[in-house]
PDB file of all heavy atoms in Angstrom:
ATOM      1  N   VAL A   1      -6.006-118.570-101.244  1.00  0.00           N
ATOM      2  CA  VAL A   1      -4.749-117.829-101.587  1.00  0.00           C
ATOM      3  C   VAL A   1      -4.477-116.693-100.636  1.00  0.00           C
ATOM      4  O   VAL A   1      -3.405-116.353-100.232  1.00  0.00           O
ATOM      5  CB  VAL A   1      -4.922-117.435-103.056  1.00  0.00           C
ATOM      6  CG1 VAL A   1      -3.907-116.238-103.420  1.00  0.00           C
ATOM      7  CG2 VAL A   1      -4.822-118.458-104.078  1.00  0.00           C
ATOM      8  N   ARG A   2      -5.450-115.851-100.396  1.00  0.00           N
ATOM      9  CA  ARG A   2      -5.448-114.669 -99.514  1.00  0.00           C
ATOM     10  C   ARG A   2      -4.852-114.983 -98.118  1.00  0.00           C
ATOM     11  O   ARG A   2      -4.309-114.116 -97.476  1.00  0.00           O
ATOM     12  CB  ARG A   2      -6.587-113.936 -99.512  1.00  0.00           C
ATOM     13  CG  ARG A   2      -7.183-113.273-100.763  1.00  0.00           C
ATOM     14  CD  ARG A   2      -8.167-112.319-100.634  1.00  0.00           C
ATOM     15  NE  ARG A   2      -7.596-111.059 -99.985  1.00  0.00           N
ATOM     16  CZ  ARG A   2      -8.289-110.251 -99.169  1.00  0.00           C
ATOM     17  NH1 ARG A   2      -9.456-110.680 -98.781  1.00  0.00           N
ATOM     18  NH2 ARG A   2      -7.806-109.163 -98.655  1.00  0.00           N
ATOM     19  N   GLN A   3      -4.934-116.294 -97.756  1.00  0.00           N
ATOM     20  CA  GLN A   3      -4.331-116.619 -96.408  1.00  0.00           C
ATOM     21  C   GLN A   3      -2.840-116.490 -96.395  1.00  0.00           C
ATOM     22  O   GLN A   3      -2.232-116.340 -95.351  1.00  0.00           O
ATOM     23  CB  GLN A   3      -4.695-118.081 -96.035  1.00  0.00           C
ATOM     24  CG  GLN A   3      -6.108-118.291 -95.808  1.00  0.00           C
ATOM     25  CD  GLN A   3      -6.549-119.733 -95.590  1.00  0.00           C
ATOM     26  OE1 GLN A   3      -5.687-120.516 -95.336  1.00  0.00           O
ATOM     27  NE2 GLN A   3      -7.837-119.992 -95.768  1.00  0.00           N
ATOM     28  N   HIS A   4      -2.154-116.327 -97.603  1.00  0.00           N
ATOM     29  CA  HIS A   4      -0.762-116.281 -97.801  1.00  0.00           C
ATOM     30  C   HIS A   4      -0.443-114.909 -98.376  1.00  0.00           C
ATOM     31  O   HIS A   4       0.564-114.841 -99.067  1.00  0.00           O
ATOM     32  CB  HIS A   4      -0.283-117.446 -98.682  1.00  0.00           C
ATOM     33  CG  HIS A   4      -0.759-118.803 -98.192  1.00  0.00           C
ATOM     34  ND1 HIS A   4      -0.400-119.267 -96.999  1.00  0.00           N
ATOM     35  CD2 HIS A   4      -1.559-119.701 -98.752  1.00  0.00           C
ATOM     36  CE1 HIS A   4      -0.891-120.500 -96.818  1.00  0.00           C
ATOM     37  NE2 HIS A   4      -1.596-120.822 -97.851  1.00  0.00           N
ATOM     38  N   THR A   5      -1.177-113.829 -98.117  1.00  0.00           N
ATOM     39  CA  THR A   5      -0.825-112.638 -98.584  1.00  0.00           C
ATOM     40  C   THR A   5      -0.859-111.516 -97.512  1.00  0.00           C
ATOM     41  O   THR A   5      -1.262-111.625 -96.400  1.00  0.00           O
ATOM     42  CB  THR A   5      -1.975-112.057 -99.635  1.00  0.00           C
ATOM     43  OG1 THR A   5      -3.211-111.801 -98.924  1.00  0.00           O
ATOM     44  CG2 THR A   5      -2.077-113.150-100.783  1.00  0.00           C
ATOM     45  N   VAL A   6      -0.299-110.387 -97.808  1.00  0.00           N
ATOM     46  CA  VAL A   6      -0.226-109.119 -97.096  1.00  0.00           C
ATOM     47  C   VAL A   6      -1.017-108.012 -97.851  1.00  0.00           C
ATOM     48  O   VAL A   6      -0.421-107.461 -98.802  1.00  0.00           O
ATOM     49  CB  VAL A   6       1.190-108.621 -96.691  1.00  0.00           C
ATOM     50  CG1 VAL A   6       1.083-107.381 -95.879  1.00  0.00           C
ATOM     51  CG2 VAL A   6       1.963-109.687 -95.865  1.00  0.00           C
ATOM     52  N   PRO A   7      -2.280-107.868 -97.667  1.00  0.00           N
ATOM     53  CA  PRO A   7      -3.022-106.916 -98.494  1.00  0.00           C
ATOM     54  C   PRO A   7      -2.719-105.419 -98.289  1.00  0.00           C
ATOM     55  O   PRO A   7      -2.077-105.133 -97.247  1.00  0.00           O
ATOM     56  CB  PRO A   7      -4.475-107.229 -98.135  1.00  0.00           C
ATOM     57  CG  PRO A   7      -4.458-107.727 -96.613  1.00  0.00           C
ATOM     58  CD  PRO A   7      -3.024-108.405 -96.591  1.00  0.00           C
ATOM     59  N   ASP A   8      -2.984-104.626 -99.370  1.00  0.00           N
ATOM     60  CA  ASP A   8      -2.675-103.217 -99.312  1.00  0.00           C
ATOM     61  C   ASP A   8      -1.289-102.783 -98.986  1.00  0.00           C
ATOM     62  O   ASP A   8      -1.082-101.879 -98.162  1.00  0.00           O
ATOM     63  CB  ASP A   8      -3.661-102.584 -98.339  1.00  0.00           C
ATOM     64  CG  ASP A   8      -5.088-102.697 -98.817  1.00  0.00           C
ATOM     65  OD1 ASP A   8      -5.415-102.402 -99.902  1.00  0.00           O
ATOM     66  OD2 ASP A   8      -5.942-103.143 -97.968  1.00  0.00           O
ATOM     67  N   GLN A   9      -0.344-103.607 -99.618  1.00  0.00           N
ATOM     68  CA  GLN A   9       1.068-103.299 -99.125  1.00  0.00           C
ATOM     69  C   GLN A   9       1.685-101.997 -99.775  1.00  0.00           C
ATOM     70  O   GLN A   9       1.422-101.920-101.107  1.00  0.00           O
ATOM     71  CB  GLN A   9       1.936-104.497 -99.582  1.00  0.00           C
ATOM     72  CG  GLN A   9       3.312-104.547 -98.853  1.00  0.00           C
ATOM     73  CD  GLN A   9       3.834-105.889 -99.182  1.00  0.00           C
ATOM     74  OE1 GLN A   9       4.069-106.341-100.082  1.00  0.00           O
ATOM     75  NE2 GLN A   9       4.223-106.447 -97.885  1.00  0.00           N
ATOM     76  N   ILE A  10       2.167-101.176 -99.030  1.00  0.00           N
ATOM     77  CA  ILE A  10       2.669 -99.934 -99.586  1.00  0.00           C
ATOM     78  C   ILE A  10       4.113-100.116 -99.965  1.00  0.00           C
ATOM     79  O   ILE A  10       4.898-100.814 -99.242  1.00  0.00           O
ATOM     80  CB  ILE A  10       2.615 -98.789 -98.551  1.00  0.00           C
ATOM     81  CG1 ILE A  10       1.095 -98.593 -98.126  1.00  0.00           C
ATOM     82  CG2 ILE A  10       3.324 -97.526 -98.978  1.00  0.00           C
ATOM     83  CD1 ILE A  10       0.960 -97.592 -96.872  1.00  0.00           C
ATOM     84  N   MET A  11       4.536 -99.539-101.142  1.00  0.00           N
ATOM     85  CA  MET A  11       6.033 -99.598-101.487  1.00  0.00           C
ATOM     86  C   MET A  11       6.526 -98.247-101.275  1.00  0.00           C
ATOM     87  O   MET A  11       6.148 -97.191-101.939  1.00  0.00           O
ATOM     88  CB  MET A  11       6.102 -99.984-102.967  1.00  0.00           C
ATOM     89  CG  MET A  11       7.514 -99.868-103.436  1.00  0.00           C
ATOM     90  SD  MET A  11       7.687-100.418-105.270  1.00  0.00           S
ATOM     91  CE  MET A  11       7.562-102.167-105.127  1.00  0.00           C
ATOM     92  N   GLY A  12       7.533 -98.161-100.479  1.00  0.00           N
ATOM     93  CA  GLY A  12       8.294 -96.784-100.146  1.00  0.00           C
ATOM     94  C   GLY A  12       9.598 -96.802-100.750  1.00  0.00           C
ATOM     95  O   GLY A  12      10.336 -97.840-100.765  1.00  0.00           O
ATOM     96  N   PHE A  13       9.901 -95.652-101.408  1.00  0.00           N
ATOM     97  CA  PHE A  13      11.355 -95.414-101.789  1.00  0.00           C
ATOM     98  C   PHE A  13      12.003 -94.512-100.851  1.00  0.00           C
ATOM     99  O   PHE A  13      11.533 -93.346-100.601  1.00  0.00           O
ATOM    100  CB  PHE A  13      11.207 -94.750-103.295  1.00  0.00           C
ATOM    101  CG  PHE A  13      10.799 -95.722-104.344  1.00  0.00           C
ATOM    102  CD1 PHE A  13       9.403 -95.772-104.624  1.00  0.00           C
ATOM    103  CD2 PHE A  13      11.614 -96.478-105.067  1.00  0.00           C
ATOM    104  CE1 PHE A  13       8.807 -96.709-105.460  1.00  0.00           C
ATOM    105  CE2 PHE A  13      11.127 -97.383-106.102  1.00  0.00           C
ATOM    106  CZ  PHE A  13       9.680 -97.427-106.238  1.00  0.00           C
ATOM    107  N   LEU A  14      13.099 -95.049-100.156  1.00  0.00           N
ATOM    108  CA  LEU A  14      13.719 -94.362 -99.085  1.00  0.00           C
ATOM    109  C   LEU A  14      15.032 -93.874 -99.526  1.00  0.00           C
ATOM    110  O   LEU A  14      15.796 -94.653-100.370  1.00  0.00           O
ATOM    111  CB  LEU A  14      13.851 -95.183 -97.905  1.00  0.00           C
ATOM    112  CG  LEU A  14      12.675 -95.433 -96.970  1.00  0.00           C
ATOM    113  CD1 LEU A  14      11.407 -95.888 -97.759  1.00  0.00           C
ATOM    114  CD2 LEU A  14      12.896 -96.451 -95.826  1.00  0.00           C
ATOM    115  N   ASN A  15      15.620 -92.719 -99.004  1.00  0.00           N
ATOM    116  CA  ASN A  15      16.920 -92.236 -99.297  1.00  0.00           C
ATOM    117  C   ASN A  15      17.879 -92.973 -98.358  1.00  0.00           C
ATOM    118  O   ASN A  15      17.375 -93.806 -97.529  1.00  0.00           O
ATOM    119  CB  ASN A  15      16.987 -90.736 -99.255  1.00  0.00           C
ATOM    120  CG  ASN A  15      16.746 -90.213 -97.845  1.00  0.00           C
ATOM    121  OD1 ASN A  15      16.777 -90.959 -96.797  1.00  0.00           O
ATOM    122  ND2 ASN A  15      16.518 -88.887 -97.888  1.00  0.00           N
ATOM    123  N   ARG A  16      19.160 -92.547 -98.511  1.00  0.00           N
ATOM    124  CA  ARG A  16      20.169 -93.322 -97.611  1.00  0.00           C
ATOM    125  C   ARG A  16      19.980 -93.141 -96.198  1.00  0.00           C
ATOM    126  O   ARG A  16      20.565 -93.684 -95.388  1.00  0.00           O
ATOM    127  CB  ARG A  16      21.561 -92.846 -98.025  1.00  0.00           C
ATOM    128  CG  ARG A  16      21.898 -91.382 -97.844  1.00  0.00           C
ATOM    129  CD  ARG A  16      23.203 -91.004 -98.563  1.00  0.00           C
ATOM    130  NE  ARG A  16      23.654 -89.609 -98.270  1.00  0.00           N
ATOM    131  CZ  ARG A  16      23.351 -88.589 -99.022  1.00  0.00           C
ATOM    132  NH1 ARG A  16      22.616 -88.990-100.157  1.00  0.00           N
ATOM    133  NH2 ARG A  16      23.690 -87.454 -98.783  1.00  0.00           N
ATOM    134  N   HIS A  17      19.148 -92.039 -95.830  1.00  0.00           N
ATOM    135  CA  HIS A  17      18.922 -91.849 -94.238  1.00  0.00           C
ATOM    136  C   HIS A  17      17.585 -92.489 -94.062  1.00  0.00           C
ATOM    137  O   HIS A  17      17.142 -92.229 -92.919  1.00  0.00           O
ATOM    138  CB  HIS A  17      18.822 -90.190 -94.099  1.00  0.00           C
ATOM    139  CG  HIS A  17      20.143 -89.572 -94.564  1.00  0.00           C
ATOM    140  ND1 HIS A  17      21.333 -89.721 -93.890  1.00  0.00           N
ATOM    141  CD2 HIS A  17      20.288 -88.547 -95.438  1.00  0.00           C
ATOM    142  CE1 HIS A  17      22.125 -89.024 -94.487  1.00  0.00           C
ATOM    143  NE2 HIS A  17      21.547 -88.249 -95.481  1.00  0.00           N
ATOM    144  N   ARG A  18      17.061 -93.271 -94.833  1.00  0.00           N
ATOM    145  CA  ARG A  18      15.807 -93.910 -94.703  1.00  0.00           C
ATOM    146  C   ARG A  18      14.620 -93.007 -94.466  1.00  0.00           C
ATOM    147  O   ARG A  18      13.581 -93.303 -93.863  1.00  0.00           O
ATOM    148  CB  ARG A  18      15.875 -94.927 -93.456  1.00  0.00           C
ATOM    149  CG  ARG A  18      16.731 -96.122 -93.774  1.00  0.00           C
ATOM    150  CD  ARG A  18      16.696 -97.242 -92.609  1.00  0.00           C
ATOM    151  NE  ARG A  18      15.245 -97.759 -92.503  1.00  0.00           N
ATOM    152  CZ  ARG A  18      15.045 -98.910 -93.315  1.00  0.00           C
ATOM    153  NH1 ARG A  18      15.807 -99.380 -94.052  1.00  0.00           N
ATOM    154  NH2 ARG A  18      13.654 -99.384 -93.114  1.00  0.00           N
ATOM    155  N   GLN A  19      14.720 -91.930 -95.069  1.00  0.00           N
ATOM    156  CA  GLN A  19      13.612 -90.909 -95.235  1.00  0.00           C
ATOM    157  C   GLN A  19      12.804 -91.291 -96.547  1.00  0.00           C
ATOM    158  O   GLN A  19      13.417 -91.480 -97.523  1.00  0.00           O
ATOM    159  CB  GLN A  19      14.157 -89.538 -95.273  1.00  0.00           C
ATOM    160  CG  GLN A  19      14.845 -89.091 -93.916  1.00  0.00           C
ATOM    161  CD  GLN A  19      15.532 -87.813 -94.054  1.00  0.00           C
ATOM    162  OE1 GLN A  19      16.079 -87.479 -95.228  1.00  0.00           O
ATOM    163  NE2 GLN A  19      15.581 -86.996 -93.046  1.00  0.00           N
ATOM    164  N   THR A  20      11.547 -91.180 -96.529  1.00  0.00           N
ATOM    165  CA  THR A  20      10.672 -91.498 -97.620  1.00  0.00           C
ATOM    166  C   THR A  20      10.729 -90.516 -98.572  1.00  0.00           C
ATOM    167  O   THR A  20      10.320 -89.303 -98.455  1.00  0.00           O
ATOM    168  CB  THR A  20       9.212 -91.889 -97.139  1.00  0.00           C
ATOM    169  OG1 THR A  20       9.315 -92.915 -96.234  1.00  0.00           O
ATOM    170  CG2 THR A  20       8.325 -92.339 -98.343  1.00  0.00           C
ATOM    171  N   LEU A  21      11.127 -90.890 -99.842  1.00  0.00           N
ATOM    172  CA  LEU A  21      11.002 -89.971-100.959  1.00  0.00           C
ATOM    173  C   LEU A  21       9.544 -89.960-101.602  1.00  0.00           C
ATOM    174  O   LEU A  21       9.080 -88.813-101.990  1.00  0.00           O
ATOM    175  CB  LEU A  21      12.016 -90.255-102.002  1.00  0.00           C
ATOM    176  CG  LEU A  21      13.457 -90.114-101.637  1.00  0.00           C
ATOM    177  CD1 LEU A  21      14.383 -90.777-102.756  1.00  0.00           C
ATOM    178  CD2 LEU A  21      13.866 -88.780-101.343  1.00  0.00           C
ATOM    179  N   ILE A  22       8.986 -91.020-101.796  1.00  0.00           N
ATOM    180  CA  ILE A  22       7.744 -91.261-102.424  1.00  0.00           C
ATOM    181  C   ILE A  22       7.184 -92.701-101.988  1.00  0.00           C
ATOM    182  O   ILE A  22       7.986 -93.766-101.803  1.00  0.00           O
ATOM    183  CB  ILE A  22       7.735 -91.323-103.942  1.00  0.00           C
ATOM    184  CG1 ILE A  22       6.378 -91.246-104.590  1.00  0.00           C
ATOM    185  CG2 ILE A  22       8.699 -92.419-104.585  1.00  0.00           C
ATOM    186  CD1 ILE A  22       5.747 -89.848-104.398  1.00  0.00           C
ATOM    187  N   SER A  23       5.807 -92.826-101.861  1.00  0.00           N
ATOM    188  CA  SER A  23       5.145 -94.107-101.618  1.00  0.00           C
ATOM    189  C   SER A  23       4.247 -94.405-102.588  1.00  0.00           C
ATOM    190  O   SER A  23       3.434 -93.513-103.047  1.00  0.00           O
ATOM    191  CB  SER A  23       4.566 -94.180-100.193  1.00  0.00           C
ATOM    192  OG  SER A  23       5.457 -93.952 -99.091  1.00  0.00           O
ATOM    193  N   ILE A  24       4.177 -95.745-103.015  1.00  0.00           N
ATOM    194  CA  ILE A  24       3.238 -96.233-103.921  1.00  0.00           C
ATOM    195  C   ILE A  24       2.064 -96.895-103.101  1.00  0.00           C
ATOM    196  O   ILE A  24       2.378 -98.001-102.384  1.00  0.00           O
ATOM    197  CB  ILE A  24       3.760 -97.230-105.032  1.00  0.00           C
ATOM    198  CG1 ILE A  24       4.740 -96.392-105.861  1.00  0.00           C
ATOM    199  CG2 ILE A  24       2.608 -97.853-105.772  1.00  0.00           C
ATOM    200  CD1 ILE A  24       5.481 -97.328-106.822  1.00  0.00           C
ATOM    201  N   MET A  25       0.855 -96.274-103.083  1.00  0.00           N
ATOM    202  CA  MET A  25      -0.173 -96.795-102.191  1.00  0.00           C
ATOM    203  C   MET A  25      -1.539 -96.631-102.949  1.00  0.00           C
ATOM    204  O   MET A  25      -2.135 -95.556-102.578  1.00  0.00           O
ATOM    205  CB  MET A  25      -0.247 -96.346-100.794  1.00  0.00           C
ATOM    206  CG  MET A  25       0.103 -94.857-100.577  1.00  0.00           C
ATOM    207  SD  MET A  25       0.097 -94.375 -98.877  1.00  0.00           S
ATOM    208  CE  MET A  25       0.631 -92.674 -99.126  1.00  0.00           C
ATOM    209  N   PRO A  26      -1.868 -97.259-104.028  1.00  0.00           N
ATOM    210  CA  PRO A  26      -2.993 -96.943-104.779  1.00  0.00           C
ATOM    211  C   PRO A  26      -4.254 -97.058-104.079  1.00  0.00           C
ATOM    212  O   PRO A  26      -4.448 -98.054-103.349  1.00  0.00           O
ATOM    213  CB  PRO A  26      -2.837 -98.012-105.906  1.00  0.00           C
ATOM    214  CG  PRO A  26      -2.034 -99.115-105.394  1.00  0.00           C
ATOM    215  CD  PRO A  26      -1.074 -98.450-104.393  1.00  0.00           C
ATOM    216  N   PRO A  27      -5.209 -96.211-104.243  1.00  0.00           N
ATOM    217  CA  PRO A  27      -6.426 -96.149-103.395  1.00  0.00           C
ATOM    218  C   PRO A  27      -7.567 -96.908-104.033  1.00  0.00           C
ATOM    219  O   PRO A  27      -7.480 -97.225-105.377  1.00  0.00           O
ATOM    220  CB  PRO A  27      -6.949 -94.554-103.496  1.00  0.00           C
ATOM    221  CG  PRO A  27      -6.325 -94.072-104.819  1.00  0.00           C
ATOM    222  CD  PRO A  27      -5.125 -94.824-105.058  1.00  0.00           C
ATOM    223  N   GLY A  28      -8.529 -97.405-103.432  1.00  0.00           N
ATOM    224  CA  GLY A  28      -9.723 -98.031-103.912  1.00  0.00           C
ATOM    225  C   GLY A  28      -9.526 -99.441-104.303  1.00  0.00           C
ATOM    226  O   GLY A  28      -8.370 -99.958-104.222  1.00  0.00           O
ATOM    227  N   GLN A  29     -10.496-100.169-104.608  1.00  0.00           N
ATOM    228  CA  GLN A  29     -10.476-101.589-105.116  1.00  0.00           C
ATOM    229  C   GLN A  29     -11.363-101.729-106.200  1.00  0.00           C
ATOM    230  O   GLN A  29     -12.465-102.374-106.227  1.00  0.00           O
ATOM    231  CB  GLN A  29     -10.898-102.531-103.940  1.00  0.00           C
ATOM    232  CG  GLN A  29     -10.034-102.502-102.901  1.00  0.00           C
ATOM    233  CD  GLN A  29     -10.357-103.611-101.736  1.00  0.00           C
ATOM    234  OE1 GLN A  29     -11.107-104.375-101.899  1.00  0.00           O
ATOM    235  NE2 GLN A  29      -9.640-103.570-100.659  1.00  0.00           N
ATOM    236  N   PRO A  30     -11.123-101.167-107.434  1.00  0.00           N
ATOM    237  CA  PRO A  30     -11.953-101.111-108.594  1.00  0.00           C
ATOM    238  C   PRO A  30     -12.284-102.452-109.070  1.00  0.00           C
ATOM    239  O   PRO A  30     -13.338-102.721-109.688  1.00  0.00           O
ATOM    240  CB  PRO A  30     -11.189-100.328-109.633  1.00  0.00           C
ATOM    241  CG  PRO A  30      -9.795-100.293-109.216  1.00  0.00           C
ATOM    242  CD  PRO A  30      -9.751-100.406-107.742  1.00  0.00           C
ATOM    243  N   PHE A  31     -11.415-103.398-108.926  1.00  0.00           N
ATOM    244  CA  PHE A  31     -11.551-104.785-109.482  1.00  0.00           C
ATOM    245  C   PHE A  31     -12.079-105.768-108.314  1.00  0.00           C
ATOM    246  O   PHE A  31     -12.048-107.066-108.407  1.00  0.00           O
ATOM    247  CB  PHE A  31     -10.433-105.346-110.160  1.00  0.00           C
ATOM    248  CG  PHE A  31     -10.086-104.590-111.448  1.00  0.00           C
ATOM    249  CD1 PHE A  31      -8.777-104.344-111.703  1.00  0.00           C
ATOM    250  CD2 PHE A  31     -11.105-103.966-112.032  1.00  0.00           C
ATOM    251  CE1 PHE A  31      -8.452-103.598-112.774  1.00  0.00           C
ATOM    252  CE2 PHE A  31     -10.826-103.344-113.297  1.00  0.00           C
ATOM    253  CZ  PHE A  31      -9.524-102.961-113.671  1.00  0.00           C
ATOM    254  N   GLY A  32     -12.331-105.228-107.131  1.00  0.00           N
ATOM    255  CA  GLY A  32     -12.923-106.063-106.039  1.00  0.00           C
ATOM    256  C   GLY A  32     -11.909-106.511-104.919  1.00  0.00           C
ATOM    257  O   GLY A  32     -12.306-107.159-103.995  1.00  0.00           O
ATOM    258  N   TRP A  33     -10.646-106.220-105.220  1.00  0.00           N
ATOM    259  CA  TRP A  33      -9.539-106.705-104.314  1.00  0.00           C
ATOM    260  C   TRP A  33      -8.420-105.651-104.246  1.00  0.00           C
ATOM    261  O   TRP A  33      -8.402-104.723-104.980  1.00  0.00           O
ATOM    262  CB  TRP A  33      -9.004-108.026-104.875  1.00  0.00           C
ATOM    263  CG  TRP A  33     -10.004-109.039-105.118  1.00  0.00           C
ATOM    264  CD1 TRP A  33     -10.554-109.403-106.397  1.00  0.00           C
ATOM    265  CD2 TRP A  33     -10.575-109.875-104.099  1.00  0.00           C
ATOM    266  NE1 TRP A  33     -11.401-110.440-106.196  1.00  0.00           N
ATOM    267  CE2 TRP A  33     -11.522-110.681-104.838  1.00  0.00           C
ATOM    268  CE3 TRP A  33     -10.408-110.055-102.835  1.00  0.00           C
ATOM    269  CZ2 TRP A  33     -12.196-111.675-104.253  1.00  0.00           C
ATOM    270  CZ3 TRP A  33     -11.082-111.047-102.107  1.00  0.00           C
ATOM    271  CH2 TRP A  33     -12.004-111.731-102.805  1.00  0.00           C
ATOM    272  N   PRO A  34      -7.808-105.810-103.080  1.00  0.00           N
ATOM    273  CA  PRO A  34      -6.577-104.797-102.808  1.00  0.00           C
ATOM    274  C   PRO A  34      -5.659-104.798-104.096  1.00  0.00           C
ATOM    275  O   PRO A  34      -5.356-105.888-104.723  1.00  0.00           O
ATOM    276  CB  PRO A  34      -5.803-105.394-101.721  1.00  0.00           C
ATOM    277  CG  PRO A  34      -6.922-106.119-100.906  1.00  0.00           C
ATOM    278  CD  PRO A  34      -7.783-106.749-101.928  1.00  0.00           C
ATOM    279  N   ARG A  35      -5.157-103.747-104.460  1.00  0.00           N
ATOM    280  CA  ARG A  35      -4.342-103.455-105.625  1.00  0.00           C
ATOM    281  C   ARG A  35      -2.912-104.000-105.508  1.00  0.00           C
ATOM    282  O   ARG A  35      -2.248-104.299-106.514  1.00  0.00           O
ATOM    283  CB  ARG A  35      -4.403-102.074-106.217  1.00  0.00           C
ATOM    284  CG  ARG A  35      -5.841-101.815-106.543  1.00  0.00           C
ATOM    285  CD  ARG A  35      -5.857-100.250-107.019  1.00  0.00           C
ATOM    286  NE  ARG A  35      -5.143 -99.990-108.224  1.00  0.00           N
ATOM    287  CZ  ARG A  35      -4.945 -98.781-108.817  1.00  0.00           C
ATOM    288  NH1 ARG A  35      -5.466 -97.669-108.155  1.00  0.00           N
ATOM    289  NH2 ARG A  35      -4.301 -98.783-109.909  1.00  0.00           N
ATOM    290  N   ARG A  36      -2.378-103.969-104.321  1.00  0.00           N
ATOM    291  CA  ARG A  36      -1.078-104.530-104.060  1.00  0.00           C
ATOM    292  C   ARG A  36      -1.036-105.433-102.909  1.00  0.00           C
ATOM    293  O   ARG A  36      -1.512-105.038-101.892  1.00  0.00           O
ATOM    294  CB  ARG A  36      -0.038-103.367-103.721  1.00  0.00           C
ATOM    295  CG  ARG A  36       0.334-102.403-104.952  1.00  0.00           C
ATOM    296  CD  ARG A  36       1.324-101.277-104.587  1.00  0.00           C
ATOM    297  NE  ARG A  36       2.527-101.973-103.976  1.00  0.00           N
ATOM    298  CZ  ARG A  36       3.428-102.483-104.617  1.00  0.00           C
ATOM    299  NH1 ARG A  36       3.530-102.544-105.944  1.00  0.00           N
ATOM    300  NH2 ARG A  36       4.476-103.100-103.902  1.00  0.00           N
ATOM    301  N   ASN A  37      -0.362-106.527-103.115  1.00  0.00           N
ATOM    302  CA  ASN A  37      -0.464-107.617-102.076  1.00  0.00           C
ATOM    303  C   ASN A  37       0.872-108.313-102.073  1.00  0.00           C
ATOM    304  O   ASN A  37       1.450-108.699-102.988  1.00  0.00           O
ATOM    305  CB  ASN A  37      -1.472-108.653-102.305  1.00  0.00           C
ATOM    306  CG  ASN A  37      -2.856-108.020-102.471  1.00  0.00           C
ATOM    307  OD1 ASN A  37      -3.624-107.973-101.444  1.00  0.00           O
ATOM    308  ND2 ASN A  37      -3.182-107.594-103.740  1.00  0.00           N
ATOM    309  N   GLY A  38       1.497-108.377-100.882  1.00  0.00           N
ATOM    310  CA  GLY A  38       2.726-109.260-100.771  1.00  0.00           C
ATOM    311  C   GLY A  38       2.256-110.641-100.554  1.00  0.00           C
ATOM    312  O   GLY A  38       1.192-110.891-100.113  1.00  0.00           O
ATOM    313  N   PHE A  39       2.953-111.689-101.044  1.00  0.00           N
ATOM    314  CA  PHE A  39       2.622-113.062-100.904  1.00  0.00           C
ATOM    315  C   PHE A  39       3.866-113.904-101.057  1.00  0.00           C
ATOM    316  O   PHE A  39       4.857-113.579-101.429  1.00  0.00           O
ATOM    317  CB  PHE A  39       1.571-113.436-102.022  1.00  0.00           C
ATOM    318  CG  PHE A  39       2.188-113.700-103.394  1.00  0.00           C
ATOM    319  CD1 PHE A  39       2.266-114.976-103.869  1.00  0.00           C
ATOM    320  CD2 PHE A  39       2.682-112.655-104.213  1.00  0.00           C
ATOM    321  CE1 PHE A  39       2.799-115.252-105.023  1.00  0.00           C
ATOM    322  CE2 PHE A  39       3.256-112.870-105.342  1.00  0.00           C
ATOM    323  CZ  PHE A  39       3.345-114.203-105.847  1.00  0.00           C
TER     324      PHE A  39
END
């Protein structure tokens, strides 16, 4: 499955000038795997 993923993916909320307001990037791997993955 992980062959079809992008691990540790950050989600950024950008304003109209594409400046970052906030980014979601949770630290650690408490359950053994990256917490956010694109797929």
